[in-house]
Amino acid sequence: MKAMIAGFAAASQSPDLFSLGRAAQAAAQAATGGRGFFGCNTFIATSLPMLSEATRLGRRGLLRLFLPAEEPVEQQERRLAEMAELVREGLLLDGVVPTPEADYLGLATLLFFARCRLTLAGVPHVLVDLDRLGPKLGQLALAFGADELCGPIVEKRALRLGDSAGSRAITRAEAAQLLRGAGLHAWEHVAGGALEEFAP
């Protein structure tokens, strides 16, 4: 296990985007046992006090990690290392939601997903917020260490035409297809916080 983590850490320093993506995807497979998840109505904290309150009330410990447009990589890595230390010290964190502050940070967002997965090895899940990223960038994030989709997941959606052209909603079957495309088995969060394997 130590050799695997060392390999992931080495890959996170590599300038090769695809090596970093492969390492992050392998880490996601190892962390989840090859399972991917989706669900809606997910509460995501935006600060540590909000996270503590959510876990105190019995909610999942999910924290949004923002990606500022001009943040240097060194500062980003330092911030993630500090978060990893808090987790080692006992912070209850079930997952992180990497979120760019600007819409045009596609490549930087993917790298941030990979760094979150590789640096925060003690955090079980890295989530894609479809409402913020949309299905296309969300699908790519699954190849960079994400293992869970959250956001507007519906039974049926209107065609992306006219007023619905900018819709970021996807159906449950589409969510499962995205997860399977990333090599993960699709599981759904159902009522009461239970998990159920999705079979279309």
N, C-alpha and C. Protein backbone atom coordinates (compact mmCIF):
# COMPACT_ATOMS: atom_id res chain seq x y z
N MET A 1 0.83 -1.20 0.00
CA MET A 1 0.00 0.00 0.00
C MET A 1 0.87 1.26 0.00
N LYS A 2 1.96 1.25 0.80
CA LYS A 2 2.84 2.41 0.86
C LYS A 2 3.46 2.69 -0.51
N ALA A 3 3.83 1.60 -1.22
CA ALA A 3 4.41 1.77 -2.56
C ALA A 3 3.40 2.39 -3.51
N MET A 4 2.12 1.98 -3.39
CA MET A 4 1.08 2.52 -4.25
C MET A 4 0.89 4.01 -3.98
N ILE A 5 0.84 4.40 -2.70
CA ILE A 5 0.68 5.81 -2.34
C ILE A 5 1.89 6.61 -2.82
N ALA A 6 3.10 6.05 -2.68
CA ALA A 6 4.29 6.73 -3.16
C ALA A 6 4.24 6.93 -4.66
N GLY A 7 3.73 5.93 -5.39
CA GLY A 7 3.58 6.05 -6.84
C GLY A 7 2.60 7.14 -7.19
N PHE A 8 1.50 7.23 -6.43
CA PHE A 8 0.51 8.27 -6.68
C PHE A 8 1.11 9.65 -6.41
N ALA A 9 1.88 9.75 -5.32
CA ALA A 9 2.49 11.03 -4.98
C ALA A 9 3.47 11.45 -6.07
N ALA A 10 4.25 10.51 -6.58
CA ALA A 10 5.20 10.83 -7.65
C ALA A 10 4.47 11.27 -8.90
N ALA A 11 3.36 10.60 -9.22
CA ALA A 11 2.60 10.96 -10.42
C ALA A 11 1.98 12.34 -10.28
N SER A 12 1.62 12.75 -9.04
CA SER A 12 1.00 14.06 -8.87
C SER A 12 1.97 15.19 -9.17
N GLN A 13 3.29 14.90 -9.13
CA GLN A 13 4.29 15.91 -9.45
C GLN A 13 4.62 15.91 -10.95
N SER A 14 4.17 14.89 -11.67
CA SER A 14 4.50 14.73 -13.08
C SER A 14 3.76 15.75 -13.93
N PRO A 15 4.44 16.32 -14.94
CA PRO A 15 3.76 17.25 -15.83
C PRO A 15 2.84 16.54 -16.83
N ASP A 16 2.93 15.22 -16.90
CA ASP A 16 2.13 14.46 -17.85
C ASP A 16 0.70 14.34 -17.33
N LEU A 17 -0.20 15.05 -17.96
CA LEU A 17 -1.60 15.08 -17.55
C LEU A 17 -2.21 13.69 -17.52
N PHE A 18 -1.89 12.87 -18.50
CA PHE A 18 -2.51 11.55 -18.58
C PHE A 18 -1.97 10.61 -17.50
N SER A 19 -0.70 10.73 -17.14
CA SER A 19 -0.16 9.93 -16.04
C SER A 19 -0.85 10.31 -14.74
N LEU A 20 -1.04 11.59 -14.54
CA LEU A 20 -1.72 12.06 -13.34
C LEU A 20 -3.16 11.55 -13.31
N GLY A 21 -3.85 11.61 -14.44
CA GLY A 21 -5.22 11.11 -14.52
C GLY A 21 -5.29 9.62 -14.23
N ARG A 22 -4.37 8.85 -14.81
CA ARG A 22 -4.37 7.40 -14.58
C ARG A 22 -4.11 7.08 -13.11
N ALA A 23 -3.17 7.79 -12.48
CA ALA A 23 -2.89 7.56 -11.07
C ALA A 23 -4.10 7.90 -10.20
N ALA A 24 -4.75 9.01 -10.50
CA ALA A 24 -5.94 9.42 -9.73
C ALA A 24 -7.08 8.45 -9.93
N GLN A 25 -7.27 7.97 -11.16
CA GLN A 25 -8.34 7.01 -11.43
C GLN A 25 -8.06 5.69 -10.71
N ALA A 26 -6.80 5.26 -10.69
CA ALA A 26 -6.44 4.03 -9.97
C ALA A 26 -6.68 4.20 -8.47
N ALA A 27 -6.39 5.39 -7.95
CA ALA A 27 -6.63 5.67 -6.53
C ALA A 27 -8.12 5.62 -6.22
N ALA A 28 -8.94 6.14 -7.13
CA ALA A 28 -10.40 6.10 -6.93
C ALA A 28 -10.89 4.65 -6.93
N GLN A 29 -10.37 3.84 -7.84
CA GLN A 29 -10.75 2.42 -7.90
C GLN A 29 -10.37 1.73 -6.58
N ALA A 30 -9.16 2.02 -6.08
CA ALA A 30 -8.70 1.40 -4.84
C ALA A 30 -9.53 1.86 -3.65
N ALA A 31 -9.86 3.14 -3.60
CA ALA A 31 -10.60 3.70 -2.46
C ALA A 31 -12.04 3.21 -2.40
N THR A 32 -12.64 2.95 -3.55
CA THR A 32 -14.07 2.60 -3.57
C THR A 32 -14.35 1.14 -3.91
N GLY A 33 -13.29 0.38 -4.19
CA GLY A 33 -13.50 -1.00 -4.61
C GLY A 33 -14.15 -1.09 -5.97
N GLY A 34 -13.94 -0.05 -6.80
CA GLY A 34 -14.50 -0.05 -8.15
C GLY A 34 -15.96 0.37 -8.22
N ARG A 35 -16.47 0.95 -7.14
CA ARG A 35 -17.85 1.42 -7.15
C ARG A 35 -17.89 2.93 -7.38
N GLY A 36 -18.86 3.37 -8.17
CA GLY A 36 -19.13 4.79 -8.37
C GLY A 36 -20.54 5.07 -7.89
N PHE A 37 -20.81 6.29 -7.50
CA PHE A 37 -22.08 6.61 -6.86
C PHE A 37 -22.72 7.83 -7.51
N PHE A 38 -24.03 7.91 -7.38
CA PHE A 38 -24.72 9.12 -7.79
C PHE A 38 -25.93 9.34 -6.89
N GLY A 39 -26.34 10.58 -6.81
CA GLY A 39 -27.50 10.93 -6.00
C GLY A 39 -27.78 12.41 -6.09
N CYS A 40 -28.95 12.79 -5.66
CA CYS A 40 -29.31 14.21 -5.64
C CYS A 40 -29.64 14.60 -4.19
N ASN A 41 -30.05 15.82 -3.97
CA ASN A 41 -30.36 16.32 -2.62
C ASN A 41 -29.22 16.10 -1.65
N THR A 42 -28.02 16.44 -2.09
CA THR A 42 -26.82 16.27 -1.28
C THR A 42 -26.44 17.60 -0.64
N PHE A 43 -26.29 17.60 0.68
CA PHE A 43 -25.84 18.82 1.37
C PHE A 43 -24.32 18.87 1.34
N ILE A 44 -23.78 19.99 0.86
CA ILE A 44 -22.33 20.16 0.77
C ILE A 44 -21.93 21.39 1.57
N ALA A 45 -21.12 21.19 2.60
CA ALA A 45 -20.65 22.30 3.43
C ALA A 45 -19.62 23.13 2.66
N THR A 46 -19.57 24.41 2.97
CA THR A 46 -18.60 25.29 2.32
C THR A 46 -17.55 25.82 3.30
N SER A 47 -17.60 25.35 4.55
CA SER A 47 -16.60 25.75 5.55
C SER A 47 -16.50 24.64 6.59
N LEU A 48 -15.41 24.64 7.34
CA LEU A 48 -15.22 23.60 8.36
C LEU A 48 -16.27 23.69 9.48
N PRO A 49 -16.64 24.90 9.96
CA PRO A 49 -17.71 24.95 10.97
C PRO A 49 -19.03 24.38 10.43
N MET A 50 -19.36 24.67 9.16
CA MET A 50 -20.59 24.14 8.57
C MET A 50 -20.49 22.62 8.44
N LEU A 51 -19.31 22.11 8.10
CA LEU A 51 -19.10 20.67 8.00
C LEU A 51 -19.31 20.00 9.36
N SER A 52 -18.74 20.59 10.41
CA SER A 52 -18.90 20.03 11.76
C SER A 52 -20.35 19.99 12.18
N GLU A 53 -21.09 21.05 11.87
CA GLU A 53 -22.52 21.10 12.21
C GLU A 53 -23.30 20.04 11.44
N ALA A 54 -22.96 19.87 10.16
CA ALA A 54 -23.65 18.87 9.34
C ALA A 54 -23.41 17.47 9.88
N THR A 55 -22.18 17.14 10.22
CA THR A 55 -21.90 15.80 10.74
C THR A 55 -22.53 15.61 12.11
N ARG A 56 -22.59 16.68 12.91
CA ARG A 56 -23.25 16.60 14.22
C ARG A 56 -24.72 16.26 14.06
N LEU A 57 -25.33 16.75 12.98
CA LEU A 57 -26.75 16.49 12.73
C LEU A 57 -26.98 15.18 11.98
N GLY A 58 -25.92 14.42 11.75
CA GLY A 58 -26.05 13.11 11.12
C GLY A 58 -25.99 13.11 9.60
N ARG A 59 -25.62 14.24 9.00
CA ARG A 59 -25.49 14.28 7.54
C ARG A 59 -24.10 13.78 7.14
N ARG A 60 -23.96 13.46 5.85
CA ARG A 60 -22.64 13.08 5.34
C ARG A 60 -21.69 14.26 5.46
N GLY A 61 -20.45 13.97 5.74
CA GLY A 61 -19.44 15.02 5.84
C GLY A 61 -18.84 15.35 4.49
N LEU A 62 -19.50 16.23 3.74
CA LEU A 62 -19.04 16.63 2.41
C LEU A 62 -18.62 18.09 2.44
N LEU A 63 -17.44 18.38 1.90
CA LEU A 63 -16.91 19.74 1.93
C LEU A 63 -16.56 20.20 0.52
N ARG A 64 -17.04 21.38 0.16
CA ARG A 64 -16.70 21.98 -1.13
C ARG A 64 -15.32 22.63 -1.02
N LEU A 65 -14.41 22.25 -1.92
CA LEU A 65 -13.09 22.86 -1.98
C LEU A 65 -13.03 23.72 -3.23
N PHE A 66 -12.93 25.02 -3.03
CA PHE A 66 -12.95 25.94 -4.17
C PHE A 66 -11.58 26.02 -4.83
N LEU A 67 -11.60 26.21 -6.14
CA LEU A 67 -10.38 26.39 -6.93
C LEU A 67 -10.37 27.82 -7.44
N PRO A 68 -9.58 28.71 -6.79
CA PRO A 68 -9.48 30.09 -7.28
C PRO A 68 -8.78 30.13 -8.63
N ALA A 69 -9.14 31.10 -9.46
CA ALA A 69 -8.61 31.18 -10.82
C ALA A 69 -7.09 31.36 -10.86
N GLU A 70 -6.53 32.11 -9.95
CA GLU A 70 -5.11 32.43 -10.02
C GLU A 70 -4.27 31.75 -8.93
N GLU A 71 -4.78 30.69 -8.32
CA GLU A 71 -4.03 30.05 -7.24
C GLU A 71 -2.81 29.30 -7.76
N PRO A 72 -1.60 29.60 -7.26
CA PRO A 72 -0.41 28.85 -7.69
C PRO A 72 -0.51 27.39 -7.23
N VAL A 73 0.09 26.50 -8.00
CA VAL A 73 0.03 25.07 -7.70
C VAL A 73 0.60 24.78 -6.32
N GLU A 74 1.68 25.46 -5.94
CA GLU A 74 2.31 25.22 -4.64
C GLU A 74 1.35 25.54 -3.51
N GLN A 75 0.60 26.64 -3.65
CA GLN A 75 -0.36 27.02 -2.62
C GLN A 75 -1.50 26.01 -2.58
N GLN A 76 -1.95 25.55 -3.73
CA GLN A 76 -3.01 24.55 -3.81
C GLN A 76 -2.57 23.26 -3.11
N GLU A 77 -1.35 22.81 -3.40
CA GLU A 77 -0.84 21.58 -2.78
C GLU A 77 -0.68 21.75 -1.27
N ARG A 78 -0.27 22.93 -0.83
CA ARG A 78 -0.14 23.19 0.60
C ARG A 78 -1.51 23.15 1.27
N ARG A 79 -2.50 23.75 0.64
CA ARG A 79 -3.86 23.76 1.18
C ARG A 79 -4.41 22.34 1.30
N LEU A 80 -4.18 21.51 0.28
CA LEU A 80 -4.66 20.12 0.31
C LEU A 80 -3.90 19.31 1.35
N ALA A 81 -2.60 19.56 1.51
CA ALA A 81 -1.82 18.85 2.53
C ALA A 81 -2.32 19.20 3.93
N GLU A 82 -2.70 20.46 4.15
CA GLU A 82 -3.25 20.87 5.45
C GLU A 82 -4.57 20.16 5.71
N MET A 83 -5.40 20.02 4.67
CA MET A 83 -6.67 19.31 4.82
C MET A 83 -6.42 17.83 5.13
N ALA A 84 -5.43 17.23 4.45
CA ALA A 84 -5.09 15.83 4.71
C ALA A 84 -4.65 15.64 6.16
N GLU A 85 -3.91 16.60 6.69
CA GLU A 85 -3.46 16.53 8.09
C GLU A 85 -4.65 16.60 9.04
N LEU A 86 -5.63 17.47 8.74
CA LEU A 86 -6.83 17.55 9.57
C LEU A 86 -7.59 16.22 9.57
N VAL A 87 -7.64 15.57 8.43
CA VAL A 87 -8.31 14.26 8.33
C VAL A 87 -7.56 13.23 9.18
N ARG A 88 -6.24 13.24 9.11
CA ARG A 88 -5.44 12.31 9.92
C ARG A 88 -5.66 12.57 11.42
N GLU A 89 -5.92 13.85 11.77
CA GLU A 89 -6.14 14.21 13.18
C GLU A 89 -7.57 13.95 13.64
N GLY A 90 -8.44 13.46 12.72
CA GLY A 90 -9.77 13.06 13.15
C GLY A 90 -10.94 13.83 12.54
N LEU A 91 -10.70 14.74 11.60
CA LEU A 91 -11.79 15.44 10.95
C LEU A 91 -12.68 14.44 10.21
N LEU A 92 -13.99 14.47 10.48
CA LEU A 92 -14.92 13.57 9.81
C LEU A 92 -15.24 14.13 8.43
N LEU A 93 -14.67 13.52 7.42
CA LEU A 93 -14.84 14.00 6.05
C LEU A 93 -15.06 12.81 5.14
N ASP A 94 -16.30 12.67 4.65
CA ASP A 94 -16.65 11.54 3.79
C ASP A 94 -16.32 11.83 2.33
N GLY A 95 -16.26 13.11 1.98
CA GLY A 95 -15.97 13.44 0.59
C GLY A 95 -15.70 14.92 0.39
N VAL A 96 -14.99 15.21 -0.70
CA VAL A 96 -14.74 16.60 -1.08
C VAL A 96 -15.34 16.84 -2.46
N VAL A 97 -15.72 18.10 -2.70
CA VAL A 97 -16.33 18.50 -3.96
C VAL A 97 -15.48 19.61 -4.56
N PRO A 98 -14.50 19.27 -5.41
CA PRO A 98 -13.68 20.30 -6.04
C PRO A 98 -14.55 21.18 -6.94
N THR A 99 -14.43 22.50 -6.76
CA THR A 99 -15.31 23.42 -7.47
C THR A 99 -14.53 24.64 -7.96
N PRO A 100 -14.43 24.83 -9.27
CA PRO A 100 -13.74 26.03 -9.78
C PRO A 100 -14.57 27.28 -9.50
N GLU A 101 -13.89 28.38 -9.22
CA GLU A 101 -14.60 29.64 -8.99
C GLU A 101 -14.97 30.33 -10.30
N ALA A 102 -14.34 29.92 -11.40
CA ALA A 102 -14.64 30.50 -12.71
C ALA A 102 -15.02 29.39 -13.68
N ASP A 103 -15.81 29.74 -14.69
CA ASP A 103 -16.32 28.73 -15.63
C ASP A 103 -15.28 28.23 -16.62
N TYR A 104 -14.18 28.95 -16.81
CA TYR A 104 -13.25 28.62 -17.88
C TYR A 104 -12.05 27.80 -17.41
N LEU A 105 -12.12 27.20 -16.24
CA LEU A 105 -10.98 26.48 -15.67
C LEU A 105 -11.05 24.98 -15.93
N GLY A 106 -11.35 24.58 -17.15
CA GLY A 106 -11.52 23.16 -17.45
C GLY A 106 -10.33 22.30 -17.11
N LEU A 107 -9.17 22.57 -17.69
CA LEU A 107 -7.98 21.77 -17.45
C LEU A 107 -7.51 21.91 -16.00
N ALA A 108 -7.52 23.11 -15.48
CA ALA A 108 -7.13 23.33 -14.09
C ALA A 108 -8.06 22.57 -13.14
N THR A 109 -9.34 22.49 -13.50
CA THR A 109 -10.30 21.76 -12.68
C THR A 109 -9.97 20.28 -12.65
N LEU A 110 -9.64 19.70 -13.80
CA LEU A 110 -9.30 18.28 -13.86
C LEU A 110 -8.05 17.99 -13.02
N LEU A 111 -7.05 18.87 -13.12
CA LEU A 111 -5.84 18.69 -12.32
C LEU A 111 -6.15 18.80 -10.83
N PHE A 112 -7.06 19.70 -10.47
CA PHE A 112 -7.46 19.86 -9.07
C PHE A 112 -8.15 18.59 -8.57
N PHE A 113 -9.02 18.00 -9.39
CA PHE A 113 -9.65 16.73 -9.02
C PHE A 113 -8.59 15.67 -8.74
N ALA A 114 -7.61 15.56 -9.63
CA ALA A 114 -6.57 14.55 -9.46
C ALA A 114 -5.77 14.81 -8.18
N ARG A 115 -5.42 16.06 -7.92
CA ARG A 115 -4.65 16.38 -6.72
C ARG A 115 -5.46 16.11 -5.46
N CYS A 116 -6.76 16.39 -5.50
CA CYS A 116 -7.62 16.08 -4.34
C CYS A 116 -7.60 14.58 -4.07
N ARG A 117 -7.77 13.78 -5.11
CA ARG A 117 -7.80 12.33 -4.93
C ARG A 117 -6.47 11.80 -4.41
N LEU A 118 -5.36 12.29 -4.96
CA LEU A 118 -4.06 11.76 -4.59
C LEU A 118 -3.57 12.27 -3.24
N THR A 119 -3.86 13.52 -2.91
CA THR A 119 -3.38 14.09 -1.65
C THR A 119 -4.27 13.70 -0.49
N LEU A 120 -5.58 13.64 -0.72
CA LEU A 120 -6.52 13.34 0.36
C LEU A 120 -6.86 11.85 0.38
N ALA A 121 -5.81 11.03 0.55
CA ALA A 121 -5.98 9.57 0.49
C ALA A 121 -6.90 9.06 1.60
N GLY A 122 -7.03 9.80 2.71
CA GLY A 122 -7.90 9.38 3.80
C GLY A 122 -9.35 9.76 3.62
N VAL A 123 -9.68 10.43 2.53
CA VAL A 123 -11.06 10.86 2.26
C VAL A 123 -11.66 9.88 1.25
N PRO A 124 -12.77 9.20 1.61
CA PRO A 124 -13.29 8.14 0.74
C PRO A 124 -13.77 8.60 -0.64
N HIS A 125 -14.37 9.80 -0.74
CA HIS A 125 -15.03 10.16 -1.99
C HIS A 125 -14.60 11.53 -2.51
N VAL A 126 -14.55 11.63 -3.84
CA VAL A 126 -14.35 12.90 -4.54
C VAL A 126 -15.55 13.05 -5.46
N LEU A 127 -16.35 14.08 -5.21
CA LEU A 127 -17.63 14.24 -5.90
C LEU A 127 -17.57 15.27 -7.02
N VAL A 128 -18.38 15.04 -8.04
CA VAL A 128 -18.60 15.97 -9.13
C VAL A 128 -19.95 16.64 -8.89
N ASP A 129 -19.97 17.95 -8.78
CA ASP A 129 -21.22 18.70 -8.68
C ASP A 129 -21.66 19.04 -10.10
N LEU A 130 -22.61 18.28 -10.61
CA LEU A 130 -23.06 18.47 -12.00
C LEU A 130 -23.68 19.84 -12.22
N ASP A 131 -24.29 20.40 -11.18
CA ASP A 131 -24.91 21.72 -11.33
C ASP A 131 -23.85 22.78 -11.59
N ARG A 132 -22.65 22.61 -11.04
CA ARG A 132 -21.57 23.57 -11.25
C ARG A 132 -20.76 23.25 -12.50
N LEU A 133 -20.46 21.96 -12.73
CA LEU A 133 -19.55 21.58 -13.82
C LEU A 133 -20.25 21.18 -15.10
N GLY A 134 -21.48 20.68 -15.01
CA GLY A 134 -22.16 20.16 -16.18
C GLY A 134 -21.72 18.74 -16.48
N PRO A 135 -22.48 18.03 -17.32
CA PRO A 135 -22.17 16.61 -17.58
C PRO A 135 -20.87 16.37 -18.33
N LYS A 136 -20.47 17.26 -19.23
CA LYS A 136 -19.26 17.00 -20.03
C LYS A 136 -18.00 17.08 -19.19
N LEU A 137 -17.81 18.18 -18.46
CA LEU A 137 -16.64 18.29 -17.61
C LEU A 137 -16.73 17.28 -16.46
N GLY A 138 -17.95 17.03 -16.00
CA GLY A 138 -18.15 16.02 -14.96
C GLY A 138 -17.70 14.65 -15.39
N GLN A 139 -18.00 14.29 -16.63
CA GLN A 139 -17.57 13.00 -17.17
C GLN A 139 -16.05 12.93 -17.19
N LEU A 140 -15.39 13.99 -17.63
CA LEU A 140 -13.92 14.00 -17.64
C LEU A 140 -13.36 13.89 -16.22
N ALA A 141 -14.02 14.52 -15.25
CA ALA A 141 -13.53 14.47 -13.87
C ALA A 141 -13.51 13.04 -13.34
N LEU A 142 -14.40 12.18 -13.85
CA LEU A 142 -14.40 10.78 -13.43
C LEU A 142 -13.12 10.07 -13.86
N ALA A 143 -12.47 10.58 -14.89
CA ALA A 143 -11.19 10.01 -15.34
C ALA A 143 -10.02 10.61 -14.58
N PHE A 144 -10.29 11.55 -13.66
CA PHE A 144 -9.24 12.20 -12.89
C PHE A 144 -9.47 12.04 -11.38
N GLY A 145 -10.08 10.93 -11.01
CA GLY A 145 -10.18 10.58 -9.59
C GLY A 145 -11.53 10.73 -8.94
N ALA A 146 -12.51 11.35 -9.59
CA ALA A 146 -13.84 11.46 -8.99
C ALA A 146 -14.51 10.09 -9.03
N ASP A 147 -15.38 9.84 -8.04
CA ASP A 147 -16.10 8.57 -8.01
C ASP A 147 -17.59 8.75 -7.75
N GLU A 148 -18.03 10.00 -7.63
CA GLU A 148 -19.45 10.22 -7.31
C GLU A 148 -19.98 11.45 -8.03
N LEU A 149 -21.20 11.33 -8.53
CA LEU A 149 -21.92 12.42 -9.19
C LEU A 149 -23.05 12.89 -8.28
N CYS A 150 -23.19 14.19 -8.12
CA CYS A 150 -24.33 14.71 -7.38
C CYS A 150 -24.88 15.91 -8.14
N GLY A 151 -26.11 16.24 -7.86
CA GLY A 151 -26.71 17.39 -8.53
C GLY A 151 -28.06 17.07 -9.12
N PRO A 152 -28.40 17.73 -10.22
CA PRO A 152 -29.73 17.54 -10.81
C PRO A 152 -29.82 16.22 -11.58
N ILE A 153 -30.15 15.14 -10.85
CA ILE A 153 -30.32 13.82 -11.45
C ILE A 153 -31.81 13.50 -11.39
N VAL A 154 -32.40 13.27 -12.54
CA VAL A 154 -33.85 13.18 -12.65
C VAL A 154 -34.27 11.88 -13.34
N GLU A 155 -35.56 11.56 -13.24
CA GLU A 155 -36.10 10.38 -13.93
C GLU A 155 -36.16 10.63 -15.44
N LYS A 156 -36.67 11.82 -15.82
CA LYS A 156 -36.75 12.21 -17.23
C LYS A 156 -36.33 13.65 -17.33
N ARG A 157 -35.71 13.99 -18.47
CA ARG A 157 -35.33 15.40 -18.68
C ARG A 157 -35.76 15.82 -20.07
N ALA A 158 -35.97 17.11 -20.20
CA ALA A 158 -36.32 17.66 -21.51
C ALA A 158 -35.08 17.65 -22.40
N LEU A 159 -35.30 17.60 -23.71
CA LEU A 159 -34.17 17.70 -24.64
C LEU A 159 -33.46 19.03 -24.44
N ARG A 160 -32.18 19.05 -24.65
CA ARG A 160 -31.41 20.28 -24.46
C ARG A 160 -31.58 21.19 -25.67
N LEU A 161 -32.79 21.72 -25.79
CA LEU A 161 -33.15 22.63 -26.88
C LEU A 161 -33.90 23.82 -26.30
N GLY A 162 -33.86 24.95 -26.98
CA GLY A 162 -34.61 26.13 -26.56
C GLY A 162 -34.29 26.52 -25.14
N ASP A 163 -35.33 26.67 -24.30
CA ASP A 163 -35.15 27.07 -22.91
C ASP A 163 -34.36 26.05 -22.10
N SER A 164 -34.32 24.81 -22.55
CA SER A 164 -33.62 23.74 -21.82
C SER A 164 -32.20 23.51 -22.35
N ALA A 165 -31.74 24.36 -23.27
CA ALA A 165 -30.43 24.14 -23.90
C ALA A 165 -29.29 24.13 -22.89
N GLY A 166 -29.38 24.93 -21.85
CA GLY A 166 -28.31 25.00 -20.86
C GLY A 166 -28.51 24.09 -19.66
N SER A 167 -29.49 23.20 -19.74
CA SER A 167 -29.78 22.33 -18.60
C SER A 167 -28.59 21.43 -18.27
N ARG A 168 -28.32 21.30 -16.99
CA ARG A 168 -27.23 20.42 -16.54
C ARG A 168 -27.77 19.15 -15.92
N ALA A 169 -29.06 18.97 -16.00
CA ALA A 169 -29.68 17.76 -15.45
C ALA A 169 -29.35 16.56 -16.32
N ILE A 170 -29.20 15.41 -15.66
CA ILE A 170 -29.05 14.16 -16.38
C ILE A 170 -29.98 13.13 -15.74
N THR A 171 -30.33 12.12 -16.50
CA THR A 171 -31.20 11.08 -15.96
C THR A 171 -30.37 10.10 -15.12
N ARG A 172 -31.06 9.30 -14.34
CA ARG A 172 -30.38 8.28 -13.54
C ARG A 172 -29.61 7.32 -14.45
N ALA A 173 -30.20 6.95 -15.59
CA ALA A 173 -29.53 6.04 -16.52
C ALA A 173 -28.28 6.69 -17.11
N GLU A 174 -28.35 8.01 -17.40
CA GLU A 174 -27.17 8.71 -17.91
C GLU A 174 -26.07 8.78 -16.86
N ALA A 175 -26.46 9.00 -15.59
CA ALA A 175 -25.47 9.04 -14.51
C ALA A 175 -24.77 7.68 -14.41
N ALA A 176 -25.54 6.62 -14.46
CA ALA A 176 -24.96 5.28 -14.39
C ALA A 176 -24.04 5.02 -15.58
N GLN A 177 -24.43 5.50 -16.74
CA GLN A 177 -23.62 5.31 -17.95
C GLN A 177 -22.28 6.05 -17.82
N LEU A 178 -22.30 7.26 -17.26
CA LEU A 178 -21.05 8.02 -17.06
C LEU A 178 -20.12 7.26 -16.11
N LEU A 179 -20.68 6.72 -15.04
CA LEU A 179 -19.87 5.98 -14.07
C LEU A 179 -19.29 4.72 -14.70
N ARG A 180 -20.11 4.01 -15.44
CA ARG A 180 -19.63 2.78 -16.09
C ARG A 180 -18.58 3.09 -17.14
N GLY A 181 -18.72 4.22 -17.82
CA GLY A 181 -17.72 4.63 -18.81
C GLY A 181 -16.37 4.89 -18.18
N ALA A 182 -16.36 5.21 -16.88
CA ALA A 182 -15.11 5.44 -16.14
C ALA A 182 -14.62 4.15 -15.48
N GLY A 183 -15.27 3.03 -15.78
CA GLY A 183 -14.85 1.75 -15.23
C GLY A 183 -15.36 1.47 -13.83
N LEU A 184 -16.39 2.19 -13.39
CA LEU A 184 -16.95 2.02 -12.05
C LEU A 184 -18.32 1.34 -12.13
N HIS A 185 -18.66 0.57 -11.12
CA HIS A 185 -19.99 -0.03 -11.02
C HIS A 185 -20.91 1.02 -10.42
N ALA A 186 -22.07 1.23 -11.03
CA ALA A 186 -22.97 2.33 -10.62
C ALA A 186 -23.82 1.95 -9.41
N TRP A 187 -23.75 2.79 -8.39
CA TRP A 187 -24.57 2.64 -7.18
C TRP A 187 -25.30 3.97 -6.95
N GLU A 188 -26.50 3.87 -6.43
CA GLU A 188 -27.35 5.05 -6.23
C GLU A 188 -27.61 5.26 -4.75
N HIS A 189 -27.56 6.54 -4.32
CA HIS A 189 -28.00 6.88 -2.96
C HIS A 189 -29.52 6.92 -2.97
N VAL A 190 -30.15 6.12 -2.13
CA VAL A 190 -31.61 6.08 -2.07
C VAL A 190 -32.07 6.59 -0.70
N ALA A 191 -33.38 6.58 -0.49
CA ALA A 191 -33.96 7.14 0.73
C ALA A 191 -33.30 6.56 1.98
N GLY A 192 -33.12 7.43 2.96
CA GLY A 192 -32.55 7.00 4.23
C GLY A 192 -31.04 6.85 4.21
N GLY A 193 -30.40 7.27 3.12
CA GLY A 193 -28.95 7.19 3.03
C GLY A 193 -28.41 5.83 2.63
N ALA A 194 -29.32 4.92 2.25
CA ALA A 194 -28.88 3.59 1.82
C ALA A 194 -28.30 3.66 0.40
N LEU A 195 -27.54 2.63 0.06
CA LEU A 195 -26.96 2.51 -1.28
C LEU A 195 -27.57 1.30 -1.96
N GLU A 196 -27.78 1.46 -3.27
CA GLU A 196 -28.37 0.38 -4.05
C GLU A 196 -27.71 0.34 -5.41
N GLU A 197 -27.27 -0.85 -5.84
CA GLU A 197 -26.65 -0.95 -7.16
C GLU A 197 -27.70 -0.63 -8.21
N PHE A 198 -27.31 0.17 -9.19
CA PHE A 198 -28.26 0.62 -10.21
C PHE A 198 -28.25 -0.34 -11.39
N ALA A 199 -29.42 -0.83 -11.71
CA ALA A 199 -29.58 -1.69 -12.89
C ALA A 199 -30.67 -1.08 -13.75
N PRO A 200 -30.32 -0.54 -14.94
CA PRO A 200 -31.33 0.12 -15.77
C PRO A 200 -32.36 -0.87 -16.30
